[in-house]
Amino acid sequence: MQEKHHYTVNVKWTGNKGTGTSDYRAYDRDHTIHVDGKHEIYGSADTPFRGDGKKYNPEDMLVSSLSTCHMLWYLHLCADAGIIVVGYVDMAQGTMETPAGVLGRFTEVVLNPIVTVTDGSMIEKANELHDLAHEKCFIANSVNFPVKHKPSCVVWGE
């Protein structure tokens, strides 16, 4: 039986400087993102689009969604396979192009996870599970650009 999952996010624009959107430069791109029962996230546009570079922007959150979805599936698969992961970091990188006169779009995201395992004999299997995690990732299955991964694996204590 197919399940449906619903997600409700409250987004509130906080960038009205008194005259609303009377001019493209008259307002800030600041906003808050809130989900009931969770901490609020302060967002803005990216700096090239007149935003506050100290706050999360939609592009940051898209790349982080891909990275964390992959990680959560990967950890699940490792647990099922008996691979003990004790560390996981990813420096994910997204590329967005905005050609002149054309709307911008992401062309690629590359995940670069570094996984720390307890048993060196599991490194090959640990690296292979990234392919399956990619196949199962809900977010990667929802985007129309390539999501690649370049994993590496190290042994804890070595």
N, C-alpha and C. Protein backbone atom coordinates (compact mmCIF):
# COMPACT_ATOMS: atom_id res chain seq x y z
N MET A 1 0.84 -1.18 0.00
CA MET A 1 0.00 0.00 0.00
C MET A 1 0.88 1.24 0.00
N GLN A 2 0.58 2.17 -0.86
CA GLN A 2 1.35 3.41 -0.96
C GLN A 2 1.03 4.32 0.21
N GLU A 3 2.07 4.88 0.78
CA GLU A 3 1.91 5.84 1.88
C GLU A 3 2.12 7.24 1.33
N LYS A 4 1.46 8.20 1.94
CA LYS A 4 1.71 9.61 1.64
C LYS A 4 2.25 10.27 2.89
N HIS A 5 3.24 11.10 2.70
CA HIS A 5 3.83 11.84 3.80
C HIS A 5 3.68 13.32 3.47
N HIS A 6 3.24 14.09 4.42
CA HIS A 6 3.01 15.51 4.20
C HIS A 6 3.94 16.32 5.11
N TYR A 7 4.44 17.40 4.58
CA TYR A 7 5.35 18.26 5.32
C TYR A 7 4.84 19.69 5.25
N THR A 8 4.69 20.31 6.41
CA THR A 8 4.19 21.68 6.47
C THR A 8 5.31 22.57 6.98
N VAL A 9 5.64 23.57 6.20
CA VAL A 9 6.68 24.53 6.54
C VAL A 9 6.07 25.92 6.46
N ASN A 10 6.28 26.70 7.50
CA ASN A 10 5.79 28.08 7.50
C ASN A 10 6.94 29.01 7.15
N VAL A 11 6.80 29.74 6.07
CA VAL A 11 7.80 30.71 5.63
C VAL A 11 7.19 32.09 5.79
N LYS A 12 7.94 32.98 6.44
CA LYS A 12 7.45 34.35 6.66
C LYS A 12 8.52 35.33 6.20
N TRP A 13 8.15 36.22 5.30
CA TRP A 13 9.05 37.27 4.84
C TRP A 13 9.18 38.31 5.94
N THR A 14 10.41 38.66 6.28
CA THR A 14 10.67 39.65 7.34
C THR A 14 11.45 40.85 6.80
N GLY A 15 11.51 40.99 5.50
CA GLY A 15 12.37 42.00 4.89
C GLY A 15 11.70 43.30 4.47
N ASN A 16 10.49 43.56 4.94
CA ASN A 16 9.83 44.83 4.60
C ASN A 16 10.51 45.95 5.37
N LYS A 17 11.14 46.88 4.65
CA LYS A 17 11.85 47.99 5.29
C LYS A 17 10.97 49.23 5.38
N GLY A 18 9.67 49.06 5.19
CA GLY A 18 8.74 50.17 5.36
C GLY A 18 7.94 50.51 4.12
N THR A 19 8.48 50.19 2.95
CA THR A 19 7.76 50.51 1.71
C THR A 19 7.47 49.25 0.89
N GLY A 20 7.64 48.08 1.53
CA GLY A 20 7.36 46.83 0.84
C GLY A 20 8.19 46.67 -0.41
N THR A 21 7.58 46.17 -1.46
CA THR A 21 8.29 45.92 -2.72
C THR A 21 8.08 47.07 -3.71
N SER A 22 8.11 48.30 -3.17
CA SER A 22 7.93 49.47 -4.03
C SER A 22 9.04 49.60 -5.08
N ASP A 23 10.18 48.98 -4.83
CA ASP A 23 11.31 48.98 -5.75
C ASP A 23 12.13 47.72 -5.47
N TYR A 24 12.83 47.23 -6.47
CA TYR A 24 13.65 46.02 -6.32
C TYR A 24 14.68 46.17 -5.20
N ARG A 25 15.16 47.38 -4.97
CA ARG A 25 16.17 47.61 -3.94
C ARG A 25 15.57 48.09 -2.62
N ALA A 26 14.27 48.18 -2.53
CA ALA A 26 13.61 48.75 -1.36
C ALA A 26 13.34 47.74 -0.25
N TYR A 27 13.62 46.48 -0.47
CA TYR A 27 13.29 45.47 0.54
C TYR A 27 14.43 44.48 0.71
N ASP A 28 14.47 43.88 1.88
CA ASP A 28 15.44 42.82 2.16
C ASP A 28 14.83 41.48 1.79
N ARG A 29 15.69 40.53 1.56
CA ARG A 29 15.24 39.18 1.19
C ARG A 29 15.12 38.27 2.41
N ASP A 30 15.21 38.83 3.59
CA ASP A 30 15.19 38.06 4.83
C ASP A 30 13.84 37.39 5.06
N HIS A 31 13.92 36.21 5.66
CA HIS A 31 12.71 35.47 5.97
C HIS A 31 13.01 34.45 7.07
N THR A 32 11.98 33.90 7.66
CA THR A 32 12.14 32.84 8.62
C THR A 32 11.44 31.59 8.09
N ILE A 33 11.99 30.46 8.49
CA ILE A 33 11.43 29.17 8.13
C ILE A 33 11.14 28.46 9.44
N HIS A 34 9.90 28.03 9.60
CA HIS A 34 9.51 27.43 10.86
C HIS A 34 8.68 26.17 10.62
N VAL A 35 9.00 25.15 11.36
CA VAL A 35 8.23 23.92 11.39
C VAL A 35 7.82 23.74 12.85
N ASP A 36 6.54 23.47 13.10
CA ASP A 36 6.07 23.33 14.47
C ASP A 36 6.95 22.37 15.26
N GLY A 37 7.35 22.82 16.46
CA GLY A 37 8.15 22.00 17.34
C GLY A 37 9.63 22.01 17.06
N LYS A 38 10.07 22.82 16.09
CA LYS A 38 11.49 22.87 15.73
C LYS A 38 12.00 24.31 15.81
N HIS A 39 13.32 24.44 15.87
CA HIS A 39 13.92 25.77 15.90
C HIS A 39 13.70 26.49 14.57
N GLU A 40 13.57 27.77 14.67
CA GLU A 40 13.39 28.60 13.48
C GLU A 40 14.72 28.74 12.73
N ILE A 41 14.63 28.80 11.41
CA ILE A 41 15.81 29.01 10.57
C ILE A 41 15.69 30.40 9.96
N TYR A 42 16.78 31.16 10.02
CA TYR A 42 16.80 32.50 9.41
C TYR A 42 17.38 32.40 8.02
N GLY A 43 16.62 32.81 7.05
CA GLY A 43 17.04 32.69 5.67
C GLY A 43 17.07 34.02 4.96
N SER A 44 17.67 34.01 3.80
CA SER A 44 17.75 35.16 2.91
C SER A 44 18.05 34.64 1.52
N ALA A 45 18.21 35.52 0.59
CA ALA A 45 18.70 35.15 -0.74
C ALA A 45 20.23 35.07 -0.67
N ASP A 46 20.84 34.46 -1.65
CA ASP A 46 22.30 34.45 -1.76
C ASP A 46 22.75 35.88 -2.06
N THR A 47 23.98 36.21 -1.70
CA THR A 47 24.46 37.59 -1.87
C THR A 47 24.39 38.11 -3.30
N PRO A 48 24.61 37.30 -4.36
CA PRO A 48 24.48 37.87 -5.70
C PRO A 48 23.05 38.31 -6.04
N PHE A 49 22.10 37.87 -5.21
CA PHE A 49 20.70 38.19 -5.46
C PHE A 49 20.17 39.13 -4.36
N ARG A 50 21.08 39.97 -3.83
CA ARG A 50 20.75 41.01 -2.85
C ARG A 50 20.39 40.46 -1.48
N GLY A 51 20.91 39.29 -1.14
CA GLY A 51 20.59 38.68 0.14
C GLY A 51 21.68 38.85 1.18
N ASP A 52 21.40 38.37 2.36
CA ASP A 52 22.32 38.42 3.50
C ASP A 52 23.13 37.14 3.52
N GLY A 53 24.40 37.22 3.23
CA GLY A 53 25.27 36.06 3.15
C GLY A 53 25.51 35.35 4.47
N LYS A 54 25.05 35.91 5.58
CA LYS A 54 25.21 35.27 6.88
C LYS A 54 24.06 34.33 7.20
N LYS A 55 23.06 34.30 6.34
CA LYS A 55 21.89 33.46 6.58
C LYS A 55 21.80 32.38 5.52
N TYR A 56 21.10 31.30 5.85
CA TYR A 56 20.91 30.22 4.89
C TYR A 56 20.07 30.70 3.72
N ASN A 57 20.42 30.25 2.53
CA ASN A 57 19.62 30.60 1.35
C ASN A 57 19.04 29.30 0.76
N PRO A 58 18.08 29.41 -0.14
CA PRO A 58 17.47 28.20 -0.69
C PRO A 58 18.47 27.26 -1.36
N GLU A 59 19.51 27.81 -1.96
CA GLU A 59 20.51 26.97 -2.62
C GLU A 59 21.30 26.16 -1.58
N ASP A 60 21.67 26.81 -0.45
CA ASP A 60 22.34 26.08 0.64
C ASP A 60 21.47 24.93 1.11
N MET A 61 20.19 25.21 1.27
CA MET A 61 19.30 24.20 1.84
C MET A 61 19.04 23.06 0.86
N LEU A 62 19.03 23.35 -0.43
CA LEU A 62 18.87 22.27 -1.41
C LEU A 62 20.06 21.32 -1.35
N VAL A 63 21.26 21.88 -1.36
CA VAL A 63 22.47 21.05 -1.31
C VAL A 63 22.52 20.28 0.00
N SER A 64 22.18 20.94 1.11
CA SER A 64 22.22 20.23 2.40
C SER A 64 21.15 19.16 2.48
N SER A 65 20.00 19.36 1.84
CA SER A 65 18.96 18.32 1.82
C SER A 65 19.45 17.08 1.08
N LEU A 66 20.12 17.28 -0.03
CA LEU A 66 20.68 16.15 -0.77
C LEU A 66 21.73 15.42 0.05
N SER A 67 22.60 16.17 0.70
CA SER A 67 23.67 15.58 1.49
C SER A 67 23.12 14.80 2.68
N THR A 68 22.19 15.39 3.42
CA THR A 68 21.69 14.72 4.61
C THR A 68 20.80 13.53 4.27
N CYS A 69 20.02 13.61 3.21
CA CYS A 69 19.20 12.47 2.80
C CYS A 69 20.10 11.29 2.44
N HIS A 70 21.16 11.56 1.68
CA HIS A 70 22.11 10.50 1.32
C HIS A 70 22.73 9.91 2.58
N MET A 71 23.16 10.76 3.50
CA MET A 71 23.81 10.30 4.72
C MET A 71 22.88 9.41 5.53
N LEU A 72 21.64 9.82 5.70
CA LEU A 72 20.71 9.04 6.52
C LEU A 72 20.43 7.67 5.91
N TRP A 73 20.27 7.61 4.58
CA TRP A 73 20.11 6.31 3.92
C TRP A 73 21.37 5.48 4.07
N TYR A 74 22.51 6.11 3.88
CA TYR A 74 23.79 5.39 3.97
C TYR A 74 23.97 4.77 5.35
N LEU A 75 23.73 5.54 6.40
CA LEU A 75 23.88 5.02 7.75
C LEU A 75 22.93 3.85 8.00
N HIS A 76 21.72 3.95 7.50
CA HIS A 76 20.74 2.87 7.61
C HIS A 76 21.29 1.61 6.94
N LEU A 77 21.77 1.75 5.72
CA LEU A 77 22.28 0.61 4.96
C LEU A 77 23.51 -0.01 5.63
N CYS A 78 24.38 0.82 6.20
CA CYS A 78 25.55 0.30 6.91
C CYS A 78 25.12 -0.47 8.14
N ALA A 79 24.16 0.05 8.87
CA ALA A 79 23.67 -0.66 10.06
C ALA A 79 23.12 -2.02 9.67
N ASP A 80 22.33 -2.06 8.60
CA ASP A 80 21.77 -3.33 8.12
C ASP A 80 22.86 -4.30 7.68
N ALA A 81 23.97 -3.78 7.14
CA ALA A 81 25.04 -4.62 6.61
C ALA A 81 26.09 -4.99 7.66
N GLY A 82 25.92 -4.51 8.89
CA GLY A 82 26.88 -4.82 9.94
C GLY A 82 28.15 -4.00 9.87
N ILE A 83 28.12 -2.89 9.15
CA ILE A 83 29.28 -2.00 9.06
C ILE A 83 29.11 -0.93 10.15
N ILE A 84 30.08 -0.85 11.03
CA ILE A 84 30.00 0.11 12.12
C ILE A 84 30.66 1.41 11.69
N VAL A 85 29.83 2.42 11.48
CA VAL A 85 30.30 3.76 11.12
C VAL A 85 30.37 4.58 12.40
N VAL A 86 31.52 5.22 12.63
CA VAL A 86 31.68 6.05 13.83
C VAL A 86 31.89 7.52 13.48
N GLY A 87 31.96 7.82 12.19
CA GLY A 87 32.10 9.21 11.77
C GLY A 87 31.66 9.38 10.32
N TYR A 88 31.07 10.53 10.04
CA TYR A 88 30.61 10.82 8.67
C TYR A 88 30.62 12.32 8.51
N VAL A 89 31.37 12.81 7.55
CA VAL A 89 31.36 14.24 7.20
C VAL A 89 31.25 14.34 5.68
N ASP A 90 30.63 15.39 5.23
CA ASP A 90 30.47 15.60 3.79
C ASP A 90 30.65 17.07 3.47
N MET A 91 31.49 17.36 2.52
CA MET A 91 31.64 18.72 2.01
C MET A 91 30.96 18.73 0.63
N ALA A 92 29.64 18.78 0.65
CA ALA A 92 28.85 18.73 -0.57
C ALA A 92 28.99 20.05 -1.34
N GLN A 93 29.00 19.93 -2.66
CA GLN A 93 29.16 21.11 -3.51
C GLN A 93 28.10 21.09 -4.61
N GLY A 94 27.38 22.20 -4.72
CA GLY A 94 26.38 22.33 -5.77
C GLY A 94 26.81 23.37 -6.78
N THR A 95 26.47 23.13 -8.02
CA THR A 95 26.78 24.08 -9.10
C THR A 95 25.47 24.56 -9.69
N MET A 96 25.29 25.88 -9.66
CA MET A 96 24.12 26.50 -10.26
C MET A 96 24.61 27.45 -11.35
N GLU A 97 23.97 27.39 -12.49
CA GLU A 97 24.33 28.28 -13.59
C GLU A 97 23.20 29.27 -13.82
N THR A 98 23.58 30.50 -14.09
CA THR A 98 22.61 31.53 -14.42
C THR A 98 23.07 32.25 -15.69
N PRO A 99 22.88 31.60 -16.84
CA PRO A 99 23.29 32.24 -18.10
C PRO A 99 22.51 33.53 -18.33
N ALA A 100 23.14 34.47 -18.99
CA ALA A 100 22.49 35.75 -19.28
C ALA A 100 21.17 35.53 -20.01
N GLY A 101 20.12 36.14 -19.50
CA GLY A 101 18.83 36.06 -20.15
C GLY A 101 18.07 34.77 -19.94
N VAL A 102 18.64 33.87 -19.12
CA VAL A 102 18.01 32.57 -18.88
C VAL A 102 17.87 32.39 -17.37
N LEU A 103 16.80 31.78 -16.94
CA LEU A 103 16.64 31.51 -15.52
C LEU A 103 17.71 30.54 -15.05
N GLY A 104 18.18 30.74 -13.83
CA GLY A 104 19.21 29.87 -13.28
C GLY A 104 18.66 28.51 -12.91
N ARG A 105 19.58 27.54 -12.86
CA ARG A 105 19.21 26.19 -12.44
C ARG A 105 20.44 25.45 -11.99
N PHE A 106 20.24 24.51 -11.08
CA PHE A 106 21.33 23.64 -10.67
C PHE A 106 21.66 22.69 -11.81
N THR A 107 22.95 22.50 -12.02
CA THR A 107 23.40 21.57 -13.06
C THR A 107 24.01 20.32 -12.47
N GLU A 108 24.37 20.38 -11.18
CA GLU A 108 25.01 19.21 -10.56
C GLU A 108 25.21 19.47 -9.07
N VAL A 109 25.14 18.41 -8.30
CA VAL A 109 25.58 18.43 -6.91
C VAL A 109 26.51 17.23 -6.74
N VAL A 110 27.64 17.46 -6.09
CA VAL A 110 28.60 16.40 -5.81
C VAL A 110 28.74 16.26 -4.30
N LEU A 111 28.48 15.07 -3.82
CA LEU A 111 28.66 14.75 -2.41
C LEU A 111 30.06 14.16 -2.24
N ASN A 112 30.73 14.56 -1.18
CA ASN A 112 32.09 14.12 -0.92
C ASN A 112 32.21 13.54 0.50
N PRO A 113 31.45 12.49 0.78
CA PRO A 113 31.47 11.97 2.15
C PRO A 113 32.78 11.28 2.50
N ILE A 114 33.22 11.55 3.73
CA ILE A 114 34.35 10.83 4.31
C ILE A 114 33.77 10.05 5.49
N VAL A 115 33.82 8.74 5.37
CA VAL A 115 33.21 7.85 6.34
C VAL A 115 34.31 7.19 7.17
N THR A 116 34.11 7.15 8.47
CA THR A 116 35.04 6.46 9.36
C THR A 116 34.37 5.20 9.88
N VAL A 117 35.02 4.06 9.64
CA VAL A 117 34.50 2.76 10.08
C VAL A 117 35.46 2.15 11.10
N THR A 118 34.98 1.13 11.81
CA THR A 118 35.83 0.50 12.84
C THR A 118 36.64 -0.67 12.32
N ASP A 119 36.27 -1.19 11.14
CA ASP A 119 36.89 -2.41 10.64
C ASP A 119 37.37 -2.19 9.20
N GLY A 120 38.68 -2.25 9.01
CA GLY A 120 39.26 -2.02 7.68
C GLY A 120 38.79 -3.00 6.63
N SER A 121 38.39 -4.20 7.04
CA SER A 121 37.93 -5.19 6.06
C SER A 121 36.58 -4.81 5.46
N MET A 122 35.92 -3.80 6.02
CA MET A 122 34.60 -3.38 5.54
C MET A 122 34.66 -2.17 4.60
N ILE A 123 35.84 -1.67 4.31
CA ILE A 123 35.96 -0.45 3.51
C ILE A 123 35.34 -0.61 2.13
N GLU A 124 35.63 -1.70 1.45
CA GLU A 124 35.09 -1.87 0.09
C GLU A 124 33.56 -1.88 0.11
N LYS A 125 32.98 -2.65 1.01
CA LYS A 125 31.52 -2.70 1.10
C LYS A 125 30.96 -1.35 1.52
N ALA A 126 31.64 -0.67 2.43
CA ALA A 126 31.19 0.65 2.89
C ALA A 126 31.14 1.63 1.71
N ASN A 127 32.15 1.59 0.87
CA ASN A 127 32.16 2.48 -0.30
C ASN A 127 31.06 2.11 -1.30
N GLU A 128 30.81 0.81 -1.48
CA GLU A 128 29.79 0.36 -2.42
C GLU A 128 28.38 0.80 -2.00
N LEU A 129 28.13 0.88 -0.72
CA LEU A 129 26.79 1.21 -0.25
C LEU A 129 26.35 2.63 -0.60
N HIS A 130 27.29 3.48 -0.99
CA HIS A 130 26.91 4.83 -1.42
C HIS A 130 26.03 4.77 -2.67
N ASP A 131 26.28 3.81 -3.56
CA ASP A 131 25.45 3.69 -4.76
C ASP A 131 24.00 3.38 -4.39
N LEU A 132 23.81 2.47 -3.45
CA LEU A 132 22.46 2.10 -3.03
C LEU A 132 21.80 3.25 -2.26
N ALA A 133 22.57 3.94 -1.44
CA ALA A 133 22.03 5.11 -0.72
C ALA A 133 21.55 6.16 -1.72
N HIS A 134 22.31 6.34 -2.78
CA HIS A 134 21.91 7.29 -3.82
C HIS A 134 20.59 6.88 -4.47
N GLU A 135 20.45 5.60 -4.76
CA GLU A 135 19.22 5.10 -5.38
C GLU A 135 18.01 5.31 -4.48
N LYS A 136 18.21 5.22 -3.18
CA LYS A 136 17.10 5.28 -2.24
C LYS A 136 16.78 6.70 -1.77
N CYS A 137 17.67 7.64 -1.97
CA CYS A 137 17.49 9.00 -1.45
C CYS A 137 16.26 9.67 -2.06
N PHE A 138 15.32 10.03 -1.21
CA PHE A 138 14.08 10.67 -1.66
C PHE A 138 14.35 11.98 -2.39
N ILE A 139 15.28 12.75 -1.87
CA ILE A 139 15.54 14.07 -2.44
C ILE A 139 16.24 13.93 -3.78
N ALA A 140 17.25 13.07 -3.87
CA ALA A 140 17.94 12.86 -5.15
C ALA A 140 16.98 12.35 -6.22
N ASN A 141 15.99 11.57 -5.81
CA ASN A 141 15.00 11.06 -6.76
C ASN A 141 14.00 12.13 -7.18
N SER A 142 14.07 13.30 -6.57
CA SER A 142 13.10 14.37 -6.85
C SER A 142 13.67 15.52 -7.67
N VAL A 143 14.97 15.49 -7.95
CA VAL A 143 15.58 16.60 -8.69
C VAL A 143 15.88 16.19 -10.12
N ASN A 144 16.02 17.19 -10.99
CA ASN A 144 16.23 16.92 -12.42
C ASN A 144 17.65 17.22 -12.89
N PHE A 145 18.60 17.08 -11.98
CA PHE A 145 20.01 17.26 -12.33
C PHE A 145 20.80 16.14 -11.66
N PRO A 146 22.01 15.87 -12.15
CA PRO A 146 22.80 14.78 -11.57
C PRO A 146 23.26 15.07 -10.14
N VAL A 147 23.15 14.05 -9.31
CA VAL A 147 23.72 14.09 -7.96
C VAL A 147 24.76 12.98 -7.93
N LYS A 148 26.01 13.39 -7.81
CA LYS A 148 27.11 12.42 -7.83
C LYS A 148 27.68 12.28 -6.43
N HIS A 149 28.42 11.22 -6.22
CA HIS A 149 29.09 11.06 -4.94
C HIS A 149 30.51 10.54 -5.18
N LYS A 150 31.42 11.11 -4.38
CA LYS A 150 32.83 10.73 -4.43
C LYS A 150 33.27 10.39 -3.00
N PRO A 151 32.90 9.19 -2.54
CA PRO A 151 33.18 8.86 -1.15
C PRO A 151 34.61 8.41 -0.89
N SER A 152 35.01 8.56 0.34
CA SER A 152 36.24 7.93 0.80
C SER A 152 35.95 7.36 2.18
N CYS A 153 36.76 6.40 2.58
CA CYS A 153 36.52 5.70 3.82
C CYS A 153 37.85 5.53 4.54
N VAL A 154 37.82 5.77 5.83
CA VAL A 154 39.00 5.61 6.66
C VAL A 154 38.65 4.71 7.84
N VAL A 155 39.68 4.16 8.46
CA VAL A 155 39.48 3.29 9.62
C VAL A 155 39.75 4.09 10.88
N TRP A 156 38.84 3.99 11.80
CA TRP A 156 38.95 4.71 13.07
C TRP A 156 40.23 4.31 13.80
N GLY A 157 40.96 5.31 14.26
CA GLY A 157 42.18 5.05 15.01
C GLY A 157 43.43 4.89 14.17
N GLU A 158 43.29 4.85 12.85
CA GLU A 158 44.48 4.70 12.00
C GLU A 158 44.89 6.02 11.42
